[in-house]
């Protein structure tokens, strides 16, 4: 895997809208994200030609969205790329992408949710990318950035170290305030106290390269040229999370069954589960569904599973880098990155 150069104050960050046209739909939310990103990290924003196009237009023009992505990677003056928001159809960009452009121009790429598709494209191209906040969901946090998220971004893509322990947020939220009301931007969301990660099964210390994303998106990728070969999951640590649409625990089990019959699950060194972004009442239901599927249906009773972690559709979120070697310590319930996330 190629590692991008770390970002710094003054770095140029391209903003793309690879899925839903959120910036045009809720411009005040988008502007808040840009402002808070610039104020926190001192970067320069470069909007691609179609970033602010209306949502209906972007939906009808996946080629234009892909051209923005390719242009952002090819432009040597641009140091990093961040998605404005997720959506549900980034897979439609696939016919118009040239992965050789990504391989030849390694740079920071970050986003989550439907952007999972583009992370798998980066993984296919051999580039470490970053599963983390988008402009409108993350950087546009109501009432200012969460310090936990800001520090996570800084430590992974601005000032990477030789090793990095992924800290646990002290509190979290999946509460949703109506984006159509600009007044809500100044209102902080209600928070829950965090009790930390939950070990569903496993013991000892396990290492592997990180790969994963939003499990809702997996069915759109499986069977395409972006989906990794089974052997590429050998001794990997798979990270999974669910979107705010809250797929049922049974739906999650069915996707896991697909991974199981592919031979993916038996190849893994461990699994990380993000806190669900939808119905909080399903928190334990997801954990139970995942653990039972692995242990009862596939006999993987010793595969470590660390759940209720701070990534994905939960805030504040940490940042997980694809292809970086990480370590799960089942005793301490800690996740540690064992190599630098960027070229230092």
C-alpha atoms as a PDB file:
ATOM      1  CA  UNK A   1       0.000   0.000   0.000  1.00  0.00           C
ATOM      2  CA  UNK A   2       1.221   3.495  -0.844  1.00  0.00           C
ATOM      3  CA  UNK A   3       0.873   6.025   1.948  1.00  0.00           C
ATOM      4  CA  UNK A   4      -0.059   9.633   1.154  1.00  0.00           C
ATOM      5  CA  UNK A   5       1.984  12.536   2.402  1.00  0.00           C
ATOM      6  CA  UNK A   6       0.726  13.953   5.680  1.00  0.00           C
ATOM      7  CA  UNK A   7      -1.219  17.194   5.457  1.00  0.00           C
ATOM      8  CA  UNK A   8      -0.059  20.443   7.037  1.00  0.00           C
ATOM      9  CA  UNK A   9      -1.195  24.015   7.508  1.00  0.00           C
ATOM     10  CA  UNK A  10      -1.715  25.515   4.065  1.00  0.00           C
ATOM     11  CA  UNK A  11      -2.399  22.172   2.361  1.00  0.00           C
ATOM     12  CA  UNK A  12      -4.952  22.320  -0.427  1.00  0.00           C
ATOM     13  CA  UNK A  13      -8.001  20.122   0.209  1.00  0.00           C
ATOM     14  CA  UNK A  14     -10.375  19.296  -2.645  1.00  0.00           C
ATOM     15  CA  UNK A  15     -14.033  18.849  -1.707  1.00  0.00           C
ATOM     16  CA  UNK A  16     -16.064  16.471  -3.847  1.00  0.00           C
ATOM     17  CA  UNK A  17     -19.697  15.345  -3.829  1.00  0.00           C
ATOM     18  CA  UNK A  18     -19.403  11.731  -5.004  1.00  0.00           C
ATOM     19  CA  UNK A  19     -22.908  10.684  -3.937  1.00  0.00           C
ATOM     20  CA  UNK A  20     -25.686  12.970  -2.714  1.00  0.00           C
ATOM     21  CA  UNK A  21     -25.713  16.691  -3.484  1.00  0.00           C
ATOM     22  CA  UNK A  22     -25.819  17.835   0.120  1.00  0.00           C
ATOM     23  CA  UNK A  23     -23.949  21.139  -0.350  1.00  0.00           C
ATOM     24  CA  UNK A  24     -26.674  22.518  -2.639  1.00  0.00           C
ATOM     25  CA  UNK A  25     -29.491  21.087  -0.513  1.00  0.00           C
ATOM     26  CA  UNK A  26     -28.278  22.467   2.822  1.00  0.00           C
ATOM     27  CA  UNK A  27     -25.676  25.143   1.949  1.00  0.00           C
ATOM     28  CA  UNK A  28     -25.537  26.555   5.490  1.00  0.00           C
ATOM     29  CA  UNK A  29     -24.529  23.128   6.845  1.00  0.00           C
ATOM     30  CA  UNK A  30     -21.906  22.700   4.153  1.00  0.00           C
ATOM     31  CA  UNK A  31     -20.482  26.186   4.770  1.00  0.00           C
ATOM     32  CA  UNK A  32     -20.271  25.455   8.502  1.00  0.00           C
ATOM     33  CA  UNK A  33     -18.208  22.352   7.744  1.00  0.00           C
ATOM     34  CA  UNK A  34     -15.825  24.248   5.479  1.00  0.00           C
ATOM     35  CA  UNK A  35     -15.373  27.031   8.034  1.00  0.00           C
ATOM     36  CA  UNK A  36     -14.700  24.672  10.941  1.00  0.00           C
ATOM     37  CA  UNK A  37     -12.260  22.612   8.867  1.00  0.00           C
ATOM     38  CA  UNK A  38     -10.312  25.723   7.833  1.00  0.00           C
ATOM     39  CA  UNK A  39     -10.291  27.226  11.316  1.00  0.00           C
ATOM     40  CA  UNK A  40      -9.082  24.016  12.975  1.00  0.00           C
ATOM     41  CA  UNK A  41      -6.378  22.998  10.507  1.00  0.00           C
ATOM     42  CA  UNK A  42      -5.482  26.096   8.477  1.00  0.00           C
ATOM     43  CA  UNK A  43      -6.013  24.379   5.136  1.00  0.00           C
ATOM     44  CA  UNK A  44      -7.035  25.874   1.804  1.00  0.00           C
ATOM     45  CA  UNK A  45     -10.308  24.662   0.270  1.00  0.00           C
ATOM     46  CA  UNK A  46     -10.582  23.790  -3.423  1.00  0.00           C
ATOM     47  CA  UNK A  47     -14.110  23.008  -4.601  1.00  0.00           C
ATOM     48  CA  UNK A  48     -14.372  20.792  -7.657  1.00  0.00           C
ATOM     49  CA  UNK A  49     -16.578  21.923 -10.583  1.00  0.00           C
ATOM     50  CA  UNK A  50     -19.618  19.894  -9.541  1.00  0.00           C
ATOM     51  CA  UNK A  51     -19.352  19.954  -5.744  1.00  0.00           C
ATOM     52  CA  UNK A  52     -22.261  22.396  -5.315  1.00  0.00           C
ATOM     53  CA  UNK A  53     -24.428  21.195  -8.183  1.00  0.00           C
ATOM     54  CA  UNK A  54     -28.089  20.435  -7.296  1.00  0.00           C
ATOM     55  CA  UNK A  55     -28.759  16.976  -5.915  1.00  0.00           C
ATOM     56  CA  UNK A  56     -31.060  16.038  -8.804  1.00  0.00           C
ATOM     57  CA  UNK A  57     -28.412  17.014 -11.352  1.00  0.00           C
ATOM     58  CA  UNK A  58     -25.672  15.059  -9.569  1.00  0.00           C
ATOM     59  CA  UNK A  59     -27.913  12.008  -9.387  1.00  0.00           C
ATOM     60  CA  UNK A  60     -28.316  12.063 -13.167  1.00  0.00           C
ATOM     61  CA  UNK A  61     -24.614  12.669 -13.829  1.00  0.00           C
ATOM     62  CA  UNK A  62     -22.372  10.068 -12.174  1.00  0.00           C
ATOM     63  CA  UNK A  63     -19.771  10.665 -14.901  1.00  0.00           C
ATOM     64  CA  UNK A  64     -19.390  14.273 -13.782  1.00  0.00           C
ATOM     65  CA  UNK A  65     -18.979  13.178 -10.189  1.00  0.00           C
ATOM     66  CA  UNK A  66     -16.304  10.701 -11.231  1.00  0.00           C
ATOM     67  CA  UNK A  67     -14.530  13.384 -13.256  1.00  0.00           C
ATOM     68  CA  UNK A  68     -14.332  15.550 -10.136  1.00  0.00           C
ATOM     69  CA  UNK A  69     -12.718  12.669  -8.256  1.00  0.00           C
ATOM     70  CA  UNK A  70     -10.252  11.912 -11.037  1.00  0.00           C
ATOM     71  CA  UNK A  71      -9.379  15.597 -11.468  1.00  0.00           C
ATOM     72  CA  UNK A  72      -8.773  15.989  -7.736  1.00  0.00           C
ATOM     73  CA  UNK A  73      -6.385  13.037  -7.712  1.00  0.00           C
ATOM     74  CA  UNK A  74      -4.607  14.084 -10.913  1.00  0.00           C
ATOM     75  CA  UNK A  75      -4.090  17.717  -9.861  1.00  0.00           C
ATOM     76  CA  UNK A  76      -0.616  17.783  -8.295  1.00  0.00           C
ATOM     77  CA  UNK A  77      -1.373  21.043  -6.464  1.00  0.00           C
ATOM     78  CA  UNK A  78      -4.044  19.297  -4.383  1.00  0.00           C
ATOM     79  CA  UNK A  79      -2.818  17.525  -1.232  1.00  0.00           C
ATOM     80  CA  UNK A  80      -5.973  15.826   0.003  1.00  0.00           C
ATOM     81  CA  UNK A  81      -9.601  15.062  -0.848  1.00  0.00           C
ATOM     82  CA  UNK A  82     -12.596  14.995   1.497  1.00  0.00           C
ATOM     83  CA  UNK A  83     -16.148  13.983   0.579  1.00  0.00           C
ATOM     84  CA  UNK A  84     -18.809  16.595   1.268  1.00  0.00           C
ATOM     85  CA  UNK A  85     -21.286  13.922   2.424  1.00  0.00           C
ATOM     86  CA  UNK A  86     -22.307  10.325   1.719  1.00  0.00           C
ATOM     87  CA  UNK A  87     -25.395   9.106  -0.099  1.00  0.00           C
ATOM     88  CA  UNK A  88     -26.323   5.809  -1.713  1.00  0.00           C
ATOM     89  CA  UNK A  89     -24.961   5.543  -5.241  1.00  0.00           C
ATOM     90  CA  UNK A  90     -21.200   6.158  -5.381  1.00  0.00           C
ATOM     91  CA  UNK A  91     -21.012   2.727  -7.031  1.00  0.00           C
ATOM     92  CA  UNK A  92     -22.322   4.407 -10.217  1.00  0.00           C
ATOM     93  CA  UNK A  93     -18.967   6.194 -10.532  1.00  0.00           C
ATOM     94  CA  UNK A  94     -17.151   2.900 -11.157  1.00  0.00           C
ATOM     95  CA  UNK A  95     -17.438   2.804 -14.987  1.00  0.00           C
ATOM     96  CA  UNK A  96     -15.913   6.289 -15.191  1.00  0.00           C
ATOM     97  CA  UNK A  97     -12.970   5.879 -12.795  1.00  0.00           C
ATOM     98  CA  UNK A  98      -9.374   5.148 -13.717  1.00  0.00           C
ATOM     99  CA  UNK A  99      -7.665   3.519 -10.755  1.00  0.00           C
ATOM    100  CA  UNK A 100      -4.280   4.126 -12.369  1.00  0.00           C
ATOM    101  CA  UNK A 101      -4.789   7.832 -11.699  1.00  0.00           C
ATOM    102  CA  UNK A 102      -5.223   7.086  -7.987  1.00  0.00           C
ATOM    103  CA  UNK A 103      -2.172   4.814  -7.923  1.00  0.00           C
ATOM    104  CA  UNK A 104      -0.011   7.419  -9.619  1.00  0.00           C
ATOM    105  CA  UNK A 105      -1.128  10.290  -7.384  1.00  0.00           C
ATOM    106  CA  UNK A 106      -1.232   9.119  -3.751  1.00  0.00           C
ATOM    107  CA  UNK A 107      -2.855  11.688  -1.498  1.00  0.00           C
ATOM    108  CA  UNK A 108      -5.115  11.786   1.549  1.00  0.00           C
ATOM    109  CA  UNK A 109      -8.682  10.719   0.789  1.00  0.00           C
ATOM    110  CA  UNK A 110     -11.313  10.774   3.556  1.00  0.00           C
ATOM    111  CA  UNK A 111     -15.028  10.226   4.031  1.00  0.00           C
ATOM    112  CA  UNK A 112     -17.388   7.536   5.297  1.00  0.00           C
ATOM    113  CA  UNK A 113     -20.794   5.929   4.723  1.00  0.00           C
ATOM    114  CA  UNK A 114     -21.436   5.570   0.956  1.00  0.00           C
ATOM    115  CA  UNK A 115     -17.861   6.744   0.395  1.00  0.00           C
ATOM    116  CA  UNK A 116     -16.985   3.168   1.402  1.00  0.00           C
ATOM    117  CA  UNK A 117     -17.172   2.392  -2.326  1.00  0.00           C
ATOM    118  CA  UNK A 118     -14.413   4.873  -3.101  1.00  0.00           C
ATOM    119  CA  UNK A 119     -12.287   3.584  -0.242  1.00  0.00           C
ATOM    120  CA  UNK A 120     -12.430   0.151  -1.839  1.00  0.00           C
ATOM    121  CA  UNK A 121     -11.364   1.818  -5.094  1.00  0.00           C
ATOM    122  CA  UNK A 122      -8.369   3.333  -3.304  1.00  0.00           C
ATOM    123  CA  UNK A 123      -7.598  -0.030  -1.704  1.00  0.00           C
ATOM    124  CA  UNK A 124      -7.719  -1.657  -5.146  1.00  0.00           C
ATOM    125  CA  UNK A 125      -5.386   1.047  -6.418  1.00  0.00           C
ATOM    126  CA  UNK A 126      -2.982   0.345  -3.548  1.00  0.00           C
ATOM    127  CA  UNK A 127      -3.506   3.605  -1.649  1.00  0.00           C
ATOM    128  CA  UNK A 128      -4.090   3.990   2.082  1.00  0.00           C
ATOM    129  CA  UNK A 129      -7.256   6.063   2.545  1.00  0.00           C
ATOM    130  CA  UNK A 130      -9.054   7.185   5.682  1.00  0.00           C
ATOM    131  CA  UNK A 131     -12.501   6.217   6.966  1.00  0.00           C
ATOM    132  CA  UNK A 132     -13.421   9.375   8.821  1.00  0.00           C
ATOM    133  CA  UNK A 133     -15.533  12.528   8.887  1.00  0.00           C
ATOM    134  CA  UNK A 134     -17.037  14.237   5.852  1.00  0.00           C
ATOM    135  CA  UNK A 135     -17.580  17.975   5.535  1.00  0.00           C
ATOM    136  CA  UNK A 136     -21.300  17.995   6.395  1.00  0.00           C
ATOM    137  CA  UNK A 137     -21.286  15.064   8.827  1.00  0.00           C
ATOM    138  CA  UNK A 138     -18.292  15.486  11.087  1.00  0.00           C
ATOM    139  CA  UNK A 139     -16.639  18.798  10.281  1.00  0.00           C
ATOM    140  CA  UNK A 140     -19.994  20.625  10.380  1.00  0.00           C
ATOM    141  CA  UNK A 141     -20.780  19.426  13.906  1.00  0.00           C
ATOM    142  CA  UNK A 142     -23.345  21.645  15.637  1.00  0.00           C
ATOM    143  CA  UNK A 143     -21.736  24.145  17.982  1.00  0.00           C
ATOM    144  CA  UNK A 144     -18.175  23.398  16.868  1.00  0.00           C
ATOM    145  CA  UNK A 145     -15.923  20.414  16.309  1.00  0.00           C
ATOM    146  CA  UNK A 146     -15.789  17.649  18.860  1.00  0.00           C
ATOM    147  CA  UNK A 147     -12.258  17.794  20.357  1.00  0.00           C
ATOM    148  CA  UNK A 148     -12.058  13.974  20.120  1.00  0.00           C
ATOM    149  CA  UNK A 149     -12.710  14.048  16.370  1.00  0.00           C
ATOM    150  CA  UNK A 150     -10.392  16.976  15.763  1.00  0.00           C
ATOM    151  CA  UNK A 151      -7.574  15.191  17.593  1.00  0.00           C
ATOM    152  CA  UNK A 152      -8.262  11.940  15.707  1.00  0.00           C
ATOM    153  CA  UNK A 153      -7.964  13.737  12.360  1.00  0.00           C
ATOM    154  CA  UNK A 154      -4.839  15.570  13.461  1.00  0.00           C
ATOM    155  CA  UNK A 155      -3.085  12.422  14.689  1.00  0.00           C
ATOM    156  CA  UNK A 156      -3.857  10.341  11.597  1.00  0.00           C
ATOM    157  CA  UNK A 157      -3.465  12.673   8.610  1.00  0.00           C
ATOM    158  CA  UNK A 158      -1.562  15.732   9.921  1.00  0.00           C
ATOM    159  CA  UNK A 159       0.937  14.549  12.544  1.00  0.00           C
ATOM    160  CA  UNK A 160       1.181  10.748  12.261  1.00  0.00           C
ATOM    161  CA  UNK A 161       3.424   8.881  14.677  1.00  0.00           C
ATOM    162  CA  UNK A 162       5.131   5.487  14.542  1.00  0.00           C
ATOM    163  CA  UNK A 163       2.264   3.921  16.499  1.00  0.00           C
ATOM    164  CA  UNK A 164      -1.130   5.259  17.528  1.00  0.00           C
ATOM    165  CA  UNK A 165      -3.567   3.962  20.120  1.00  0.00           C
ATOM    166  CA  UNK A 166      -7.163   4.651  19.084  1.00  0.00           C
ATOM    167  CA  UNK A 167      -8.581   6.372  22.131  1.00  0.00           C
ATOM    168  CA  UNK A 168     -12.165   5.952  23.316  1.00  0.00           C
ATOM    169  CA  UNK A 169     -14.513   8.934  23.274  1.00  0.00           C
ATOM    170  CA  UNK A 170     -15.880   9.807  26.719  1.00  0.00           C
ATOM    171  CA  UNK A 171     -19.351  10.510  25.305  1.00  0.00           C
ATOM    172  CA  UNK A 172     -21.215   9.942  22.069  1.00  0.00           C
ATOM    173  CA  UNK A 173     -24.382  10.752  20.146  1.00  0.00           C
ATOM    174  CA  UNK A 174     -26.430   9.626  17.168  1.00  0.00           C
ATOM    175  CA  UNK A 175     -29.121  12.260  17.760  1.00  0.00           C
ATOM    176  CA  UNK A 176     -30.306  14.023  14.608  1.00  0.00           C
ATOM    177  CA  UNK A 177     -31.275  17.700  14.453  1.00  0.00           C
ATOM    178  CA  UNK A 178     -33.116  18.891  11.355  1.00  0.00           C
ATOM    179  CA  UNK A 179     -30.573  20.267   8.881  1.00  0.00           C
ATOM    180  CA  UNK A 180     -33.247  22.327   7.123  1.00  0.00           C
ATOM    181  CA  UNK A 181     -33.360  24.706  10.109  1.00  0.00           C
ATOM    182  CA  UNK A 182     -30.179  26.846  10.182  1.00  0.00           C
ATOM    183  CA  UNK A 183     -30.848  27.693  13.834  1.00  0.00           C
ATOM    184  CA  UNK A 184     -30.018  24.101  14.757  1.00  0.00           C
ATOM    185  CA  UNK A 185     -26.394  24.642  13.703  1.00  0.00           C
ATOM    186  CA  UNK A 186     -25.702  26.415  16.987  1.00  0.00           C
ATOM    187  CA  UNK A 187     -27.462  23.783  19.117  1.00  0.00           C
ATOM    188  CA  UNK A 188     -25.302  21.041  20.565  1.00  0.00           C
ATOM    189  CA  UNK A 189     -26.712  17.546  20.337  1.00  0.00           C
ATOM    190  CA  UNK A 190     -27.588  15.527  23.474  1.00  0.00           C
ATOM    191  CA  UNK A 191     -24.838  13.100  24.455  1.00  0.00           C
ATOM    192  CA  UNK A 192     -24.577   9.669  26.095  1.00  0.00           C
ATOM    193  CA  UNK A 193     -21.741   8.695  28.397  1.00  0.00           C
ATOM    194  CA  UNK A 194     -19.474   6.063  26.896  1.00  0.00           C
ATOM    195  CA  UNK A 195     -18.605   2.859  28.712  1.00  0.00           C
ATOM    196  CA  UNK A 196     -15.948   2.029  26.122  1.00  0.00           C
ATOM    197  CA  UNK A 197     -15.605  -0.851  23.658  1.00  0.00           C
ATOM    198  CA  UNK A 198     -17.268  -4.195  24.362  1.00  0.00           C
ATOM    199  CA  UNK A 199     -15.429  -7.472  23.743  1.00  0.00           C
ATOM    200  CA  UNK A 200     -17.969  -9.916  22.312  1.00  0.00           C
ATOM    201  CA  UNK A 201     -15.542 -12.825  22.031  1.00  0.00           C
ATOM    202  CA  UNK A 202     -11.848 -13.652  21.715  1.00  0.00           C
ATOM    203  CA  UNK A 203      -8.717 -13.523  23.823  1.00  0.00           C
ATOM    204  CA  UNK A 204      -5.073 -12.591  23.390  1.00  0.00           C
ATOM    205  CA  UNK A 205      -3.486 -10.152  20.954  1.00  0.00           C
ATOM    206  CA  UNK A 206      -4.233 -10.176  17.221  1.00  0.00           C
ATOM    207  CA  UNK A 207      -2.795  -8.167  14.327  1.00  0.00           C
ATOM    208  CA  UNK A 208      -3.921  -7.481  10.786  1.00  0.00           C
ATOM    209  CA  UNK A 209      -4.385  -4.838   8.127  1.00  0.00           C
ATOM    210  CA  UNK A 210      -7.533  -2.715   8.388  1.00  0.00           C
ATOM    211  CA  UNK A 211     -10.274  -2.924   5.768  1.00  0.00           C
ATOM    212  CA  UNK A 212     -14.029  -2.378   5.959  1.00  0.00           C
ATOM    213  CA  UNK A 213     -16.640   0.364   6.023  1.00  0.00           C
ATOM    214  CA  UNK A 214     -20.402   0.750   6.062  1.00  0.00           C
ATOM    215  CA  UNK A 215     -21.904  -2.726   5.787  1.00  0.00           C
ATOM    216  CA  UNK A 216     -25.016  -1.299   4.077  1.00  0.00           C
ATOM    217  CA  UNK A 217     -22.773  -0.527   1.079  1.00  0.00           C
ATOM    218  CA  UNK A 218     -21.163  -3.966   0.814  1.00  0.00           C
ATOM    219  CA  UNK A 219     -23.949  -5.534  -1.313  1.00  0.00           C
ATOM    220  CA  UNK A 220     -23.371  -2.803  -3.911  1.00  0.00           C
ATOM    221  CA  UNK A 221     -19.632  -3.564  -4.112  1.00  0.00           C
ATOM    222  CA  UNK A 222     -19.628  -7.368  -3.908  1.00  0.00           C
ATOM    223  CA  UNK A 223     -19.338  -8.845  -7.378  1.00  0.00           C
ATOM    224  CA  UNK A 224     -17.729  -5.743  -8.916  1.00  0.00           C
ATOM    225  CA  UNK A 225     -14.078  -5.248  -9.823  1.00  0.00           C
ATOM    226  CA  UNK A 226     -13.612  -3.283  -6.581  1.00  0.00           C
ATOM    227  CA  UNK A 227     -14.374  -6.176  -4.262  1.00  0.00           C
ATOM    228  CA  UNK A 228     -11.098  -7.700  -2.970  1.00  0.00           C
ATOM    229  CA  UNK A 229     -10.206 -11.282  -3.681  1.00  0.00           C
ATOM    230  CA  UNK A 230     -10.797 -13.648  -0.775  1.00  0.00           C
ATOM    231  CA  UNK A 231      -7.066 -14.023  -0.124  1.00  0.00           C
ATOM    232  CA  UNK A 232      -6.764 -10.247   0.322  1.00  0.00           C
ATOM    233  CA  UNK A 233      -8.739 -10.639   3.554  1.00  0.00           C
ATOM    234  CA  UNK A 234      -6.119 -13.053   4.895  1.00  0.00           C
ATOM    235  CA  UNK A 235      -5.294 -12.016   8.481  1.00  0.00           C
ATOM    236  CA  UNK A 236      -7.091  -8.684   8.002  1.00  0.00           C
ATOM    237  CA  UNK A 237      -9.041  -6.817  10.658  1.00  0.00           C
ATOM    238  CA  UNK A 238     -12.480  -6.073   9.233  1.00  0.00           C
ATOM    239  CA  UNK A 239     -14.245  -2.964  10.533  1.00  0.00           C
ATOM    240  CA  UNK A 240     -18.013  -2.704  10.075  1.00  0.00           C
ATOM    241  CA  UNK A 241     -20.705  -0.158  10.910  1.00  0.00           C
ATOM    242  CA  UNK A 242     -24.314   0.527   9.971  1.00  0.00           C
ATOM    243  CA  UNK A 243     -25.886   3.695   8.608  1.00  0.00           C
ATOM    244  CA  UNK A 244     -28.550   5.973  10.042  1.00  0.00           C
ATOM    245  CA  UNK A 245     -31.085   4.014   7.976  1.00  0.00           C
ATOM    246  CA  UNK A 246     -30.686   1.293  10.613  1.00  0.00           C
ATOM    247  CA  UNK A 247     -30.785  -1.959   8.651  1.00  0.00           C
ATOM    248  CA  UNK A 248     -32.307  -4.703  10.733  1.00  0.00           C
ATOM    249  CA  UNK A 249     -30.016  -7.056  12.664  1.00  0.00           C
ATOM    250  CA  UNK A 250     -31.299  -9.816  10.365  1.00  0.00           C
ATOM    251  CA  UNK A 251     -30.143  -7.852   7.315  1.00  0.00           C
ATOM    252  CA  UNK A 252     -26.699  -7.535   8.887  1.00  0.00           C
ATOM    253  CA  UNK A 253     -26.636 -11.286   9.492  1.00  0.00           C
ATOM    254  CA  UNK A 254     -27.489 -11.950   5.844  1.00  0.00           C
ATOM    255  CA  UNK A 255     -24.605  -9.793   4.611  1.00  0.00           C
ATOM    256  CA  UNK A 256     -22.257 -11.569   7.033  1.00  0.00           C
ATOM    257  CA  UNK A 257     -23.463 -14.914   5.683  1.00  0.00           C
ATOM    258  CA  UNK A 258     -22.419 -13.774   2.226  1.00  0.00           C
ATOM    259  CA  UNK A 259     -18.952 -12.935   3.567  1.00  0.00           C
ATOM    260  CA  UNK A 260     -18.882 -16.275   5.331  1.00  0.00           C
ATOM    261  CA  UNK A 261     -19.605 -18.393   2.278  1.00  0.00           C
ATOM    262  CA  UNK A 262     -17.043 -16.373   0.304  1.00  0.00           C
ATOM    263  CA  UNK A 263     -14.439 -17.493   2.818  1.00  0.00           C
ATOM    264  CA  UNK A 264     -13.811 -13.940   3.989  1.00  0.00           C
ATOM    265  CA  UNK A 265     -14.675 -14.427   7.667  1.00  0.00           C
ATOM    266  CA  UNK A 266     -12.464 -17.451   8.238  1.00  0.00           C
ATOM    267  CA  UNK A 267      -9.499 -15.489   6.865  1.00  0.00           C
ATOM    268  CA  UNK A 268      -9.778 -12.629   9.355  1.00  0.00           C
ATOM    269  CA  UNK A 269      -7.653 -11.789  12.381  1.00  0.00           C
ATOM    270  CA  UNK A 270     -10.429  -9.808  14.011  1.00  0.00           C
ATOM    271  CA  UNK A 271     -13.571  -7.700  13.603  1.00  0.00           C
ATOM    272  CA  UNK A 272     -14.335  -4.176  14.815  1.00  0.00           C
ATOM    273  CA  UNK A 273     -17.949  -3.011  15.118  1.00  0.00           C
ATOM    274  CA  UNK A 274     -18.865   0.665  15.142  1.00  0.00           C
ATOM    275  CA  UNK A 275     -21.704   1.978  17.238  1.00  0.00           C
ATOM    276  CA  UNK A 276     -24.885   1.900  15.068  1.00  0.00           C
ATOM    277  CA  UNK A 277     -25.963   5.187  13.561  1.00  0.00           C
ATOM    278  CA  UNK A 278     -29.686   4.555  13.596  1.00  0.00           C
ATOM    279  CA  UNK A 279     -31.886   3.246  16.399  1.00  0.00           C
ATOM    280  CA  UNK A 280     -29.891   3.241  19.659  1.00  0.00           C
ATOM    281  CA  UNK A 281     -32.188   0.469  20.906  1.00  0.00           C
ATOM    282  CA  UNK A 282     -30.520  -1.839  18.377  1.00  0.00           C
ATOM    283  CA  UNK A 283     -27.080  -1.362  19.938  1.00  0.00           C
ATOM    284  CA  UNK A 284     -27.002  -4.754  21.655  1.00  0.00           C
ATOM    285  CA  UNK A 285     -29.121  -6.414  18.961  1.00  0.00           C
ATOM    286  CA  UNK A 286     -26.457  -5.800  16.327  1.00  0.00           C
ATOM    287  CA  UNK A 287     -23.752  -7.146  18.612  1.00  0.00           C
ATOM    288  CA  UNK A 288     -25.753 -10.288  19.320  1.00  0.00           C
ATOM    289  CA  UNK A 289     -26.580 -10.844  15.641  1.00  0.00           C
ATOM    290  CA  UNK A 290     -22.956 -10.487  14.554  1.00  0.00           C
ATOM    291  CA  UNK A 291     -21.494 -12.621  17.319  1.00  0.00           C
ATOM    292  CA  UNK A 292     -24.046 -15.405  16.872  1.00  0.00           C
ATOM    293  CA  UNK A 293     -23.564 -15.507  13.104  1.00  0.00           C
ATOM    294  CA  UNK A 294     -19.807 -15.924  13.421  1.00  0.00           C
ATOM    295  CA  UNK A 295     -19.834 -18.394  16.289  1.00  0.00           C
ATOM    296  CA  UNK A 296     -22.962 -20.471  15.654  1.00  0.00           C
ATOM    297  CA  UNK A 297     -23.179 -20.472  11.863  1.00  0.00           C
ATOM    298  CA  UNK A 298     -19.484 -20.459  10.933  1.00  0.00           C
ATOM    299  CA  UNK A 299     -17.851 -21.879  14.057  1.00  0.00           C
ATOM    300  CA  UNK A 300     -15.544 -18.882  14.471  1.00  0.00           C
ATOM    301  CA  UNK A 301     -15.723 -18.861  18.269  1.00  0.00           C
ATOM    302  CA  UNK A 302     -12.175 -17.603  18.767  1.00  0.00           C
ATOM    303  CA  UNK A 303     -12.239 -14.727  16.290  1.00  0.00           C
ATOM    304  CA  UNK A 304     -11.947 -11.528  18.376  1.00  0.00           C
ATOM    305  CA  UNK A 305     -14.832  -9.082  18.012  1.00  0.00           C
ATOM    306  CA  UNK A 306     -14.545  -5.617  19.538  1.00  0.00           C
ATOM    307  CA  UNK A 307     -17.864  -3.741  19.393  1.00  0.00           C
ATOM    308  CA  UNK A 308     -19.427  -0.338  20.156  1.00  0.00           C
ATOM    309  CA  UNK A 309     -16.428   1.575  18.874  1.00  0.00           C
ATOM    310  CA  UNK A 310     -16.251   5.234  17.839  1.00  0.00           C
ATOM    311  CA  UNK A 311     -16.287   5.118  14.052  1.00  0.00           C
ATOM    312  CA  UNK A 312     -18.904   5.531  11.348  1.00  0.00           C
ATOM    313  CA  UNK A 313     -22.384   6.960  11.911  1.00  0.00           C
ATOM    314  CA  UNK A 314     -21.686   7.953  15.497  1.00  0.00           C
ATOM    315  CA  UNK A 315     -20.147  11.156  16.807  1.00  0.00           C
ATOM    316  CA  UNK A 316     -17.511  12.006  17.665  1.00  0.00           C
ATOM    317  CA  UNK A 317     -15.760   9.608  15.307  1.00  0.00           C
ATOM    318  CA  UNK A 318     -12.220   8.332  15.128  1.00  0.00           C
ATOM    319  CA  UNK A 319     -10.345   7.794  11.848  1.00  0.00           C
ATOM    320  CA  UNK A 320      -9.436   4.333  10.553  1.00  0.00           C
ATOM    321  CA  UNK A 321      -6.805   3.965   7.794  1.00  0.00           C
ATOM    322  CA  UNK A 322      -7.169   1.229   5.180  1.00  0.00           C
ATOM    323  CA  UNK A 323      -4.287  -1.188   4.769  1.00  0.00           C
ATOM    324  CA  UNK A 324      -2.471  -0.107   7.948  1.00  0.00           C
ATOM    325  CA  UNK A 325      -1.436  -2.863  10.364  1.00  0.00           C
ATOM    326  CA  UNK A 326      -3.402  -2.663  13.606  1.00  0.00           C
ATOM    327  CA  UNK A 327      -3.525  -4.677  16.817  1.00  0.00           C
ATOM    328  CA  UNK A 328      -6.483  -5.778  18.920  1.00  0.00           C
ATOM    329  CA  UNK A 329      -5.702  -6.472  22.573  1.00  0.00           C
ATOM    330  CA  UNK A 330      -8.634  -8.480  23.919  1.00  0.00           C
ATOM    331  CA  UNK A 331      -7.576  -8.008  27.538  1.00  0.00           C
ATOM    332  CA  UNK A 332      -7.403  -4.224  27.483  1.00  0.00           C
ATOM    333  CA  UNK A 333      -9.997  -3.863  24.663  1.00  0.00           C
ATOM    334  CA  UNK A 334      -7.607  -1.537  22.869  1.00  0.00           C
ATOM    335  CA  UNK A 335      -6.985  -0.971  19.164  1.00  0.00           C
ATOM    336  CA  UNK A 336      -3.514   0.276  18.217  1.00  0.00           C
ATOM    337  CA  UNK A 337      -2.121   1.241  14.839  1.00  0.00           C
ATOM    338  CA  UNK A 338       1.340  -0.286  14.545  1.00  0.00           C
ATOM    339  CA  UNK A 339       2.793   1.829  11.725  1.00  0.00           C
ATOM    340  CA  UNK A 340       2.611   5.422  10.527  1.00  0.00           C
ATOM    341  CA  UNK A 341      -0.610   6.241   8.684  1.00  0.00           C
ATOM    342  CA  UNK A 342       1.059   8.681   6.264  1.00  0.00           C
ATOM    343  CA  UNK A 343       4.474   9.142   4.731  1.00  0.00           C
ATOM    344  CA  UNK A 344       6.450  11.078   7.332  1.00  0.00           C
END
